[in-house]
Amino acid sequence: MCQALAERERWVIVETFSDHGVSGSTVLRPGYQALMSAMRSGAVDVVLAERFDRFSRNPGHLAALHQAAESAGVQIITLSEGEITEATIGLEATLEALYLKELADKRRRRRV
């Protein structure tokens, strides 16, 4: 879906970053680190993803990613949220915090 949007917008895909099978709870993932490096080096000017939470489920990580992108002049766009702004960060942080709490509650209930 991302590739189709990039083609419609006539964006050149310079790299695809992924971390299949690696927990999004950490930023110490090869694909994530390569993305950060590409943004810092100026290799990309737009980052496209299906959803913003694909980068991380941690609100702090999402805010840091947005700040790094903003500092590098990189625009983050997702299929579900559109352009990521500070308002998106606040909303996503709230939703992710609720999701993580609900997930923790479900895990605790399974242990009982």
PDB file of N, CA and C in Angstrom:
ATOM      1  N   MET A   1       0.814  -1.192   0.000  1.00  0.00           N
ATOM      2  CA  MET A   1       0.000   0.000   0.000  1.00  0.00           C
ATOM      3  C   MET A   1       0.863   1.263   0.000  1.00  0.00           C
ATOM      4  N   CYS A   2       1.949   1.211   0.763  1.00  0.00           N
ATOM      5  CA  CYS A   2       2.857   2.365   0.791  1.00  0.00           C
ATOM      6  C   CYS A   2       3.512   2.566  -0.561  1.00  0.00           C
ATOM      7  N   GLN A   3       3.914   1.457  -1.167  1.00  0.00           N
ATOM      8  CA  GLN A   3       4.559   1.551  -2.478  1.00  0.00           C
ATOM      9  C   GLN A   3       3.596   2.135  -3.509  1.00  0.00           C
ATOM     10  N   ALA A   4       2.340   1.737  -3.448  1.00  0.00           N
ATOM     11  CA  ALA A   4       1.349   2.262  -4.387  1.00  0.00           C
ATOM     12  C   ALA A   4       1.173   3.775  -4.208  1.00  0.00           C
ATOM     13  N   LEU A   5       1.111   4.240  -2.969  1.00  0.00           N
ATOM     14  CA  LEU A   5       0.991   5.680  -2.720  1.00  0.00           C
ATOM     15  C   LEU A   5       2.227   6.419  -3.226  1.00  0.00           C
ATOM     16  N   ALA A   6       3.396   5.868  -2.939  1.00  0.00           N
ATOM     17  CA  ALA A   6       4.639   6.498  -3.403  1.00  0.00           C
ATOM     18  C   ALA A   6       4.644   6.615  -4.924  1.00  0.00           C
ATOM     19  N   GLU A   7       4.181   5.581  -5.598  1.00  0.00           N
ATOM     20  CA  GLU A   7       4.127   5.620  -7.062  1.00  0.00           C
ATOM     21  C   GLU A   7       3.139   6.672  -7.543  1.00  0.00           C
ATOM     22  N   ARG A   8       1.961   6.755  -6.913  1.00  0.00           N
ATOM     23  CA  ARG A   8       0.973   7.778  -7.296  1.00  0.00           C
ATOM     24  C   ARG A   8       1.526   9.187  -7.099  1.00  0.00           C
ATOM     25  N   GLU A   9       2.300   9.384  -6.028  1.00  0.00           N
ATOM     26  CA  GLU A   9       2.876  10.696  -5.724  1.00  0.00           C
ATOM     27  C   GLU A   9       4.165  10.958  -6.508  1.00  0.00           C
ATOM     28  N   ARG A  10       4.628   9.931  -7.237  1.00  0.00           N
ATOM     29  CA  ARG A  10       5.875   9.998  -8.005  1.00  0.00           C
ATOM     30  C   ARG A  10       7.085  10.227  -7.114  1.00  0.00           C
ATOM     31  N   TRP A  11       7.041   9.596  -5.928  1.00  0.00           N
ATOM     32  CA  TRP A  11       8.189   9.645  -5.028  1.00  0.00           C
ATOM     33  C   TRP A  11       9.134   8.507  -5.387  1.00  0.00           C
ATOM     34  N   VAL A  12      10.409   8.763  -5.290  1.00  0.00           N
ATOM     35  CA  VAL A  12      11.415   7.733  -5.533  1.00  0.00           C
ATOM     36  C   VAL A  12      11.657   7.002  -4.213  1.00  0.00           C
ATOM     37  N   ILE A  13      11.472   5.710  -4.215  1.00  0.00           N
ATOM     38  CA  ILE A  13      11.727   4.911  -3.009  1.00  0.00           C
ATOM     39  C   ILE A  13      13.216   4.617  -2.973  1.00  0.00           C
ATOM     40  N   VAL A  14      13.906   5.193  -1.995  1.00  0.00           N
ATOM     41  CA  VAL A  14      15.351   5.003  -1.916  1.00  0.00           C
ATOM     42  C   VAL A  14      15.728   3.842  -1.008  1.00  0.00           C
ATOM     43  N   GLU A  15      14.835   3.481  -0.118  1.00  0.00           N
ATOM     44  CA  GLU A  15      15.133   2.380   0.809  1.00  0.00           C
ATOM     45  C   GLU A  15      13.837   1.939   1.467  1.00  0.00           C
ATOM     46  N   THR A  16      13.788   0.671   1.824  1.00  0.00           N
ATOM     47  CA  THR A  16      12.688   0.135   2.616  1.00  0.00           C
ATOM     48  C   THR A  16      13.293  -0.380   3.907  1.00  0.00           C
ATOM     49  N   PHE A  17      12.736   0.063   5.022  1.00  0.00           N
ATOM     50  CA  PHE A  17      13.261  -0.317   6.335  1.00  0.00           C
ATOM     51  C   PHE A  17      12.253  -1.225   7.021  1.00  0.00           C
ATOM     52  N   SER A  18      12.736  -2.295   7.628  1.00  0.00           N
ATOM     53  CA  SER A  18      11.832  -3.175   8.368  1.00  0.00           C
ATOM     54  C   SER A  18      12.598  -3.895   9.463  1.00  0.00           C
ATOM     55  N   ASP A  19      11.849  -4.336  10.434  1.00  0.00           N
ATOM     56  CA  ASP A  19      12.396  -5.107  11.553  1.00  0.00           C
ATOM     57  C   ASP A  19      11.457  -6.271  11.843  1.00  0.00           C
ATOM     58  N   HIS A  20      11.277  -7.139  10.859  1.00  0.00           N
ATOM     59  CA  HIS A  20      10.381  -8.282  11.020  1.00  0.00           C
ATOM     60  C   HIS A  20      10.810  -9.144  12.197  1.00  0.00           C
ATOM     61  N   GLY A  21       9.855  -9.460  13.054  1.00  0.00           N
ATOM     62  CA  GLY A  21      10.104 -10.368  14.152  1.00  0.00           C
ATOM     63  C   GLY A  21      10.855  -9.764  15.327  1.00  0.00           C
ATOM     64  N   VAL A  22      11.078  -8.447  15.323  1.00  0.00           N
ATOM     65  CA  VAL A  22      11.778  -7.792  16.421  1.00  0.00           C
ATOM     66  C   VAL A  22      10.785  -6.889  17.141  1.00  0.00           C
ATOM     67  N   SER A  23      10.768  -6.949  18.444  1.00  0.00           N
ATOM     68  CA  SER A  23       9.821  -6.173  19.233  1.00  0.00           C
ATOM     69  C   SER A  23       9.980  -4.677  18.992  1.00  0.00           C
ATOM     70  N   GLY A  24       8.858  -4.014  18.826  1.00  0.00           N
ATOM     71  CA  GLY A  24       8.847  -2.565  18.665  1.00  0.00           C
ATOM     72  C   GLY A  24       8.999  -1.821  19.974  1.00  0.00           C
ATOM     73  N   SER A  25       9.236  -2.540  21.052  1.00  0.00           N
ATOM     74  CA  SER A  25       9.377  -1.882  22.351  1.00  0.00           C
ATOM     75  C   SER A  25      10.758  -1.263  22.531  1.00  0.00           C
ATOM     76  N   THR A  26      11.652  -1.543  21.607  1.00  0.00           N
ATOM     77  CA  THR A  26      13.003  -0.984  21.676  1.00  0.00           C
ATOM     78  C   THR A  26      13.343  -0.273  20.367  1.00  0.00           C
ATOM     79  N   VAL A  27      14.186   0.729  20.457  1.00  0.00           N
ATOM     80  CA  VAL A  27      14.670   1.388  19.240  1.00  0.00           C
ATOM     81  C   VAL A  27      15.981   0.761  18.779  1.00  0.00           C
ATOM     82  N   LEU A  28      16.467  -0.227  19.505  1.00  0.00           N
ATOM     83  CA  LEU A  28      17.716  -0.908  19.145  1.00  0.00           C
ATOM     84  C   LEU A  28      17.416  -2.026  18.148  1.00  0.00           C
ATOM     85  N   ARG A  29      16.854  -1.614  17.010  1.00  0.00           N
ATOM     86  CA  ARG A  29      16.505  -2.526  15.928  1.00  0.00           C
ATOM     87  C   ARG A  29      17.258  -2.067  14.688  1.00  0.00           C
ATOM     88  N   PRO A  30      17.809  -2.988  13.922  1.00  0.00           N
ATOM     89  CA  PRO A  30      18.608  -2.610  12.748  1.00  0.00           C
ATOM     90  C   PRO A  30      17.863  -1.714  11.760  1.00  0.00           C
ATOM     91  N   GLY A  31      16.623  -2.037  11.424  1.00  0.00           N
ATOM     92  CA  GLY A  31      15.869  -1.240  10.473  1.00  0.00           C
ATOM     93  C   GLY A  31      15.573   0.157  10.993  1.00  0.00           C
ATOM     94  N   TYR A  32      15.195   0.242  12.258  1.00  0.00           N
ATOM     95  CA  TYR A  32      14.910   1.540  12.872  1.00  0.00           C
ATOM     96  C   TYR A  32      16.167   2.400  12.896  1.00  0.00           C
ATOM     97  N   GLN A  33      17.277   1.800  13.282  1.00  0.00           N
ATOM     98  CA  GLN A  33      18.536   2.551  13.334  1.00  0.00           C
ATOM     99  C   GLN A  33      18.976   2.994  11.940  1.00  0.00           C
ATOM    100  N   ALA A  34      18.748   2.150  10.936  1.00  0.00           N
ATOM    101  CA  ALA A  34      19.084   2.527   9.552  1.00  0.00           C
ATOM    102  C   ALA A  34      18.198   3.685   9.089  1.00  0.00           C
ATOM    103  N   LEU A  35      16.926   3.675   9.480  1.00  0.00           N
ATOM    104  CA  LEU A  35      16.024   4.779   9.148  1.00  0.00           C
ATOM    105  C   LEU A  35      16.516   6.075   9.779  1.00  0.00           C
ATOM    106  N   MET A  36      16.866   6.019  11.059  1.00  0.00           N
ATOM    107  CA  MET A  36      17.360   7.215  11.748  1.00  0.00           C
ATOM    108  C   MET A  36      18.617   7.746  11.058  1.00  0.00           C
ATOM    109  N   SER A  37      19.508   6.853  10.680  1.00  0.00           N
ATOM    110  CA  SER A  37      20.737   7.240  10.000  1.00  0.00           C
ATOM    111  C   SER A  37      20.442   7.887   8.651  1.00  0.00           C
ATOM    112  N   ALA A  38      19.489   7.307   7.917  1.00  0.00           N
ATOM    113  CA  ALA A  38      19.115   7.858   6.604  1.00  0.00           C
ATOM    114  C   ALA A  38      18.526   9.255   6.754  1.00  0.00           C
ATOM    115  N   MET A  39      17.738   9.468   7.801  1.00  0.00           N
ATOM    116  CA  MET A  39      17.171  10.804   8.028  1.00  0.00           C
ATOM    117  C   MET A  39      18.271  11.799   8.368  1.00  0.00           C
ATOM    118  N   ARG A  40      19.166  11.412   9.271  1.00  0.00           N
ATOM    119  CA  ARG A  40      20.251  12.321   9.688  1.00  0.00           C
ATOM    120  C   ARG A  40      21.171  12.676   8.528  1.00  0.00           C
ATOM    121  N   SER A  41      21.413  11.729   7.630  1.00  0.00           N
ATOM    122  CA  SER A  41      22.348  11.959   6.526  1.00  0.00           C
ATOM    123  C   SER A  41      21.735  12.735   5.367  1.00  0.00           C
ATOM    124  N   GLY A  42      20.410  12.914   5.407  1.00  0.00           N
ATOM    125  CA  GLY A  42      19.751  13.608   4.297  1.00  0.00           C
ATOM    126  C   GLY A  42      19.407  12.706   3.131  1.00  0.00           C
ATOM    127  N   ALA A  43      19.509  11.394   3.330  1.00  0.00           N
ATOM    128  CA  ALA A  43      19.227  10.442   2.252  1.00  0.00           C
ATOM    129  C   ALA A  43      17.736  10.361   1.929  1.00  0.00           C
ATOM    130  N   VAL A  44      16.884  10.771   2.872  1.00  0.00           N
ATOM    131  CA  VAL A  44      15.435  10.738   2.654  1.00  0.00           C
ATOM    132  C   VAL A  44      14.833  12.088   3.041  1.00  0.00           C
ATOM    133  N   ASP A  45      13.742  12.439   2.383  1.00  0.00           N
ATOM    134  CA  ASP A  45      13.036  13.652   2.791  1.00  0.00           C
ATOM    135  C   ASP A  45      11.589  13.366   3.184  1.00  0.00           C
ATOM    136  N   VAL A  46      11.127  12.145   2.893  1.00  0.00           N
ATOM    137  CA  VAL A  46       9.805  11.692   3.308  1.00  0.00           C
ATOM    138  C   VAL A  46       9.941  10.259   3.804  1.00  0.00           C
ATOM    139  N   VAL A  47       9.307   9.978   4.921  1.00  0.00           N
ATOM    140  CA  VAL A  47       9.221   8.612   5.432  1.00  0.00           C
ATOM    141  C   VAL A  47       7.751   8.237   5.388  1.00  0.00           C
ATOM    142  N   LEU A  48       7.454   7.114   4.782  1.00  0.00           N
ATOM    143  CA  LEU A  48       6.083   6.664   4.600  1.00  0.00           C
ATOM    144  C   LEU A  48       5.886   5.330   5.295  1.00  0.00           C
ATOM    145  N   ALA A  49       4.803   5.230   6.062  1.00  0.00           N
ATOM    146  CA  ALA A  49       4.480   3.975   6.757  1.00  0.00           C
ATOM    147  C   ALA A  49       2.973   3.769   6.743  1.00  0.00           C
ATOM    148  N   GLU A  50       2.562   2.552   7.024  1.00  0.00           N
ATOM    149  CA  GLU A  50       1.129   2.262   7.074  1.00  0.00           C
ATOM    150  C   GLU A  50       0.462   2.999   8.233  1.00  0.00           C
ATOM    151  N   ARG A  51       1.069   2.909   9.417  1.00  0.00           N
ATOM    152  CA  ARG A  51       0.562   3.584  10.617  1.00  0.00           C
ATOM    153  C   ARG A  51       1.752   4.100  11.415  1.00  0.00           C
ATOM    154  N   PHE A  52       1.534   5.113  12.204  1.00  0.00           N
ATOM    155  CA  PHE A  52       2.614   5.682  13.002  1.00  0.00           C
ATOM    156  C   PHE A  52       3.108   4.689  14.051  1.00  0.00           C
ATOM    157  N   ASP A  53       2.215   3.856  14.572  1.00  0.00           N
ATOM    158  CA  ASP A  53       2.633   2.898  15.598  1.00  0.00           C
ATOM    159  C   ASP A  53       3.501   1.769  15.046  1.00  0.00           C
ATOM    160  N   ARG A  54       3.700   1.725  13.740  1.00  0.00           N
ATOM    161  CA  ARG A  54       4.606   0.732  13.157  1.00  0.00           C
ATOM    162  C   ARG A  54       6.053   1.037  13.509  1.00  0.00           C
ATOM    163  N   PHE A  55       6.338   2.277  13.870  1.00  0.00           N
ATOM    164  CA  PHE A  55       7.693   2.642  14.274  1.00  0.00           C
ATOM    165  C   PHE A  55       7.985   2.185  15.692  1.00  0.00           C
ATOM    166  N   SER A  56       6.999   2.299  16.573  1.00  0.00           N
ATOM    167  CA  SER A  56       7.162   1.926  17.974  1.00  0.00           C
ATOM    168  C   SER A  56       5.809   2.003  18.656  1.00  0.00           C
ATOM    169  N   ARG A  57       5.683   1.287  19.757  1.00  0.00           N
ATOM    170  CA  ARG A  57       4.493   1.395  20.598  1.00  0.00           C
ATOM    171  C   ARG A  57       4.774   2.302  21.791  1.00  0.00           C
ATOM    172  N   ASN A  58       6.007   2.741  21.912  1.00  0.00           N
ATOM    173  CA  ASN A  58       6.415   3.575  23.041  1.00  0.00           C
ATOM    174  C   ASN A  58       6.217   5.051  22.688  1.00  0.00           C
ATOM    175  N   PRO A  59       5.363   5.758  23.444  1.00  0.00           N
ATOM    176  CA  PRO A  59       5.111   7.168  23.133  1.00  0.00           C
ATOM    177  C   PRO A  59       6.381   8.026  23.126  1.00  0.00           C
ATOM    178  N   GLY A  60       7.315   7.740  24.011  1.00  0.00           N
ATOM    179  CA  GLY A  60       8.574   8.484  24.043  1.00  0.00           C
ATOM    180  C   GLY A  60       9.390   8.271  22.782  1.00  0.00           C
ATOM    181  N   HIS A  61       9.405   7.036  22.294  1.00  0.00           N
ATOM    182  CA  HIS A  61      10.124   6.731  21.053  1.00  0.00           C
ATOM    183  C   HIS A  61       9.492   7.457  19.867  1.00  0.00           C
ATOM    184  N   LEU A  62       8.152   7.485  19.843  1.00  0.00           N
ATOM    185  CA  LEU A  62       7.460   8.154  18.740  1.00  0.00           C
ATOM    186  C   LEU A  62       7.753   9.651  18.742  1.00  0.00           C
ATOM    187  N   ALA A  63       7.757  10.251  19.931  1.00  0.00           N
ATOM    188  CA  ALA A  63       8.063  11.679  20.036  1.00  0.00           C
ATOM    189  C   ALA A  63       9.501  11.947  19.594  1.00  0.00           C
ATOM    190  N   ALA A  64      10.431  11.080  19.995  1.00  0.00           N
ATOM    191  CA  ALA A  64      11.838  11.248  19.616  1.00  0.00           C
ATOM    192  C   ALA A  64      12.017  11.084  18.108  1.00  0.00           C
ATOM    193  N   LEU A  65      11.311  10.127  17.519  1.00  0.00           N
ATOM    194  CA  LEU A  65      11.373   9.935  16.063  1.00  0.00           C
ATOM    195  C   LEU A  65      10.866  11.180  15.349  1.00  0.00           C
ATOM    196  N   HIS A  66       9.747  11.708  15.805  1.00  0.00           N
ATOM    197  CA  HIS A  66       9.189  12.920  15.193  1.00  0.00           C
ATOM    198  C   HIS A  66      10.164  14.080  15.320  1.00  0.00           C
ATOM    199  N   GLN A  67      10.776  14.237  16.486  1.00  0.00           N
ATOM    200  CA  GLN A  67      11.735  15.321  16.699  1.00  0.00           C
ATOM    201  C   GLN A  67      12.948  15.164  15.783  1.00  0.00           C
ATOM    202  N   ALA A  68      13.443  13.940  15.653  1.00  0.00           N
ATOM    203  CA  ALA A  68      14.592  13.687  14.774  1.00  0.00           C
ATOM    204  C   ALA A  68      14.236  14.001  13.322  1.00  0.00           C
ATOM    205  N   ALA A  69      13.043  13.612  12.914  1.00  0.00           N
ATOM    206  CA  ALA A  69      12.604  13.883  11.544  1.00  0.00           C
ATOM    207  C   ALA A  69      12.469  15.387  11.320  1.00  0.00           C
ATOM    208  N   GLU A  70      11.860  16.051  12.272  1.00  0.00           N
ATOM    209  CA  GLU A  70      11.682  17.500  12.157  1.00  0.00           C
ATOM    210  C   GLU A  70      13.033  18.216  12.073  1.00  0.00           C
ATOM    211  N   SER A  71      13.974  17.790  12.907  1.00  0.00           N
ATOM    212  CA  SER A  71      15.317  18.400  12.898  1.00  0.00           C
ATOM    213  C   SER A  71      16.033  18.182  11.572  1.00  0.00           C
ATOM    214  N   ALA A  72      15.762  17.039  10.936  1.00  0.00           N
ATOM    215  CA  ALA A  72      16.419  16.714   9.666  1.00  0.00           C
ATOM    216  C   ALA A  72      15.634  17.220   8.462  1.00  0.00           C
ATOM    217  N   GLY A  73      14.482  17.853   8.704  1.00  0.00           N
ATOM    218  CA  GLY A  73      13.663  18.332   7.594  1.00  0.00           C
ATOM    219  C   GLY A  73      12.950  17.213   6.854  1.00  0.00           C
ATOM    220  N   VAL A  74      12.676  16.128   7.568  1.00  0.00           N
ATOM    221  CA  VAL A  74      12.026  14.956   6.972  1.00  0.00           C
ATOM    222  C   VAL A  74      10.554  14.953   7.373  1.00  0.00           C
ATOM    223  N   GLN A  75       9.705  14.708   6.414  1.00  0.00           N
ATOM    224  CA  GLN A  75       8.268  14.634   6.648  1.00  0.00           C
ATOM    225  C   GLN A  75       7.893  13.168   6.867  1.00  0.00           C
ATOM    226  N   ILE A  76       7.122  12.873   7.916  1.00  0.00           N
ATOM    227  CA  ILE A  76       6.608  11.521   8.147  1.00  0.00           C
ATOM    228  C   ILE A  76       5.145  11.512   7.754  1.00  0.00           C
ATOM    229  N   ILE A  77       4.802  10.593   6.869  1.00  0.00           N
ATOM    230  CA  ILE A  77       3.435  10.453   6.385  1.00  0.00           C
ATOM    231  C   ILE A  77       3.016   8.997   6.576  1.00  0.00           C
ATOM    232  N   THR A  78       1.800   8.801   7.068  1.00  0.00           N
ATOM    233  CA  THR A  78       1.284   7.442   7.189  1.00  0.00           C
ATOM    234  C   THR A  78      -0.019   7.326   6.412  1.00  0.00           C
ATOM    235  N   LEU A  79      -0.326   6.122   6.007  1.00  0.00           N
ATOM    236  CA  LEU A  79      -1.559   5.892   5.267  1.00  0.00           C
ATOM    237  C   LEU A  79      -2.781   6.169   6.134  1.00  0.00           C
ATOM    238  N   SER A  80      -2.702   5.859   7.420  1.00  0.00           N
ATOM    239  CA  SER A  80      -3.877   6.012   8.272  1.00  0.00           C
ATOM    240  C   SER A  80      -4.017   7.394   8.885  1.00  0.00           C
ATOM    241  N   GLU A  81      -2.910   8.047   9.245  1.00  0.00           N
ATOM    242  CA  GLU A  81      -2.995   9.350   9.910  1.00  0.00           C
ATOM    243  C   GLU A  81      -2.670  10.528   8.998  1.00  0.00           C
ATOM    244  N   GLY A  82      -2.064  10.286   7.870  1.00  0.00           N
ATOM    245  CA  GLY A  82      -1.619  11.375   7.008  1.00  0.00           C
ATOM    246  C   GLY A  82      -0.295  11.918   7.516  1.00  0.00           C
ATOM    247  N   GLU A  83      -0.084  13.227   7.366  1.00  0.00           N
ATOM    248  CA  GLU A  83       1.165  13.828   7.839  1.00  0.00           C
ATOM    249  C   GLU A  83       1.193  13.831   9.365  1.00  0.00           C
ATOM    250  N   ILE A  84       2.314  13.402   9.915  1.00  0.00           N
ATOM    251  CA  ILE A  84       2.459  13.347  11.374  1.00  0.00           C
ATOM    252  C   ILE A  84       2.866  14.734  11.873  1.00  0.00           C
ATOM    253  N   THR A  85       2.084  15.242  12.815  1.00  0.00           N
ATOM    254  CA  THR A  85       2.340  16.547  13.409  1.00  0.00           C
ATOM    255  C   THR A  85       2.448  16.393  14.919  1.00  0.00           C
ATOM    256  N   GLU A  86       2.717  17.479  15.600  1.00  0.00           N
ATOM    257  CA  GLU A  86       2.763  17.430  17.069  1.00  0.00           C
ATOM    258  C   GLU A  86       1.423  16.997  17.644  1.00  0.00           C
ATOM    259  N   ALA A  87       0.328  17.404  17.029  1.00  0.00           N
ATOM    260  CA  ALA A  87      -0.990  16.981  17.501  1.00  0.00           C
ATOM    261  C   ALA A  87      -1.147  15.463  17.372  1.00  0.00           C
ATOM    262  N   THR A  88      -0.650  14.909  16.267  1.00  0.00           N
ATOM    263  CA  THR A  88      -0.703  13.456  16.076  1.00  0.00           C
ATOM    264  C   THR A  88       0.087  12.755  17.170  1.00  0.00           C
ATOM    265  N   ILE A  89       1.244  13.320  17.514  1.00  0.00           N
ATOM    266  CA  ILE A  89       2.097  12.729  18.541  1.00  0.00           C
ATOM    267  C   ILE A  89       1.332  12.638  19.863  1.00  0.00           C
ATOM    268  N   GLY A  90       0.666  13.724  20.248  1.00  0.00           N
ATOM    269  CA  GLY A  90      -0.094  13.725  21.499  1.00  0.00           C
ATOM    270  C   GLY A  90      -1.193  12.691  21.500  1.00  0.00           C
ATOM    271  N   LEU A  91      -1.929  12.602  20.407  1.00  0.00           N
ATOM    272  CA  LEU A  91      -3.009  11.630  20.304  1.00  0.00           C
ATOM    273  C   LEU A  91      -2.454  10.212  20.322  1.00  0.00           C
ATOM    274  N   GLU A  92      -1.423   9.956  19.524  1.00  0.00           N
ATOM    275  CA  GLU A  92      -0.829   8.624  19.471  1.00  0.00           C
ATOM    276  C   GLU A  92      -0.255   8.218  20.827  1.00  0.00           C
ATOM    277  N   ALA A  93       0.385   9.149  21.518  1.00  0.00           N
ATOM    278  CA  ALA A  93       0.955   8.846  22.832  1.00  0.00           C
ATOM    279  C   ALA A  93      -0.144   8.390  23.789  1.00  0.00           C
ATOM    280  N   THR A  94      -1.267   9.077  23.766  1.00  0.00           N
ATOM    281  CA  THR A  94      -2.391   8.707  24.624  1.00  0.00           C
ATOM    282  C   THR A  94      -2.931   7.340  24.246  1.00  0.00           C
ATOM    283  N   LEU A  95      -3.151   7.107  22.967  1.00  0.00           N
ATOM    284  CA  LEU A  95      -3.683   5.820  22.517  1.00  0.00           C
ATOM    285  C   LEU A  95      -2.730   4.674  22.817  1.00  0.00           C
ATOM    286  N   GLU A  96      -1.447   4.878  22.599  1.00  0.00           N
ATOM    287  CA  GLU A  96      -0.469   3.819  22.861  1.00  0.00           C
ATOM    288  C   GLU A  96      -0.366   3.523  24.352  1.00  0.00           C
ATOM    289  N   ALA A  97      -0.415   4.553  25.192  1.00  0.00           N
ATOM    290  CA  ALA A  97      -0.375   4.339  26.639  1.00  0.00           C
ATOM    291  C   ALA A  97      -1.576   3.504  27.080  1.00  0.00           C
ATOM    292  N   LEU A  98      -2.750   3.795  26.540  1.00  0.00           N
ATOM    293  CA  LEU A  98      -3.946   3.019  26.863  1.00  0.00           C
ATOM    294  C   LEU A  98      -3.825   1.584  26.361  1.00  0.00           C
ATOM    295  N   TYR A  99      -3.294   1.427  25.153  1.00  0.00           N
ATOM    296  CA  TYR A  99      -3.110   0.091  24.588  1.00  0.00           C
ATOM    297  C   TYR A  99      -2.160  -0.741  25.444  1.00  0.00           C
ATOM    298  N   LEU A 100      -1.030  -0.145  25.833  1.00  0.00           N
ATOM    299  CA  LEU A 100      -0.052  -0.880  26.636  1.00  0.00           C
ATOM    300  C   LEU A 100      -0.613  -1.248  27.999  1.00  0.00           C
ATOM    301  N   LYS A 101      -1.410  -0.371  28.606  1.00  0.00           N
ATOM    302  CA  LYS A 101      -2.028  -0.674  29.890  1.00  0.00           C
ATOM    303  C   LYS A 101      -3.003  -1.829  29.737  1.00  0.00           C
ATOM    304  N   GLU A 102      -3.825  -1.788  28.697  1.00  0.00           N
ATOM    305  CA  GLU A 102      -4.785  -2.864  28.445  1.00  0.00           C
ATOM    306  C   GLU A 102      -4.076  -4.190  28.191  1.00  0.00           C
ATOM    307  N   LEU A 103      -2.989  -4.148  27.439  1.00  0.00           N
ATOM    308  CA  LEU A 103      -2.213  -5.353  27.160  1.00  0.00           C
ATOM    309  C   LEU A 103      -1.628  -5.929  28.447  1.00  0.00           C
ATOM    310  N   ALA A 104      -1.078  -5.065  29.296  1.00  0.00           N
ATOM    311  CA  ALA A 104      -0.521  -5.520  30.577  1.00  0.00           C
ATOM    312  C   ALA A 104      -1.608  -6.136  31.445  1.00  0.00           C
ATOM    313  N   ASP A 105      -2.784  -5.515  31.468  1.00  0.00           N
ATOM    314  CA  ASP A 105      -3.903  -6.058  32.251  1.00  0.00           C
ATOM    315  C   ASP A 105      -4.297  -7.440  31.746  1.00  0.00           C
ATOM    316  N   LYS A 106      -4.336  -7.622  30.431  1.00  0.00           N
ATOM    317  CA  LYS A 106      -4.690  -8.923  29.858  1.00  0.00           C
ATOM    318  C   LYS A 106      -3.650  -9.977  30.208  1.00  0.00           C
ATOM    319  N   ARG A 107      -2.392  -9.603  30.161  1.00  0.00           N
ATOM    320  CA  ARG A 107      -1.330 -10.554  30.506  1.00  0.00           C
ATOM    321  C   ARG A 107      -1.418 -10.953  31.968  1.00  0.00           C
ATOM    322  N   ARG A 108      -1.692  -9.990  32.844  1.00  0.00           N
ATOM    323  CA  ARG A 108      -1.824 -10.308  34.274  1.00  0.00           C
ATOM    324  C   ARG A 108      -2.995 -11.242  34.518  1.00  0.00           C
ATOM    325  N   ARG A 109      -4.107 -11.026  33.838  1.00  0.00           N
ATOM    326  CA  ARG A 109      -5.292 -11.872  34.019  1.00  0.00           C
ATOM    327  C   ARG A 109      -5.003 -13.304  33.584  1.00  0.00           C
ATOM    328  N   ARG A 110      -4.174 -13.494  32.588  1.00  0.00           N
ATOM    329  CA  ARG A 110      -3.848 -14.849  32.120  1.00  0.00           C
ATOM    330  C   ARG A 110      -3.022 -15.605  33.143  1.00  0.00           C
ATOM    331  N   ARG A 111      -2.261 -14.886  33.970  1.00  0.00           N
ATOM    332  CA  ARG A 111      -1.412 -15.548  34.974  1.00  0.00           C
ATOM    333  C   ARG A 111      -2.198 -15.994  36.180  1.00  0.00           C
ATOM    334  N   VAL A 112      -3.376 -15.440  36.382  1.00  0.00           N
ATOM    335  CA  VAL A 112      -4.158 -15.748  37.585  1.00  0.00           C
ATOM    336  C   VAL A 112      -4.873 -17.064  37.417  1.00  0.00           C
TER     337      VAL A 112
END
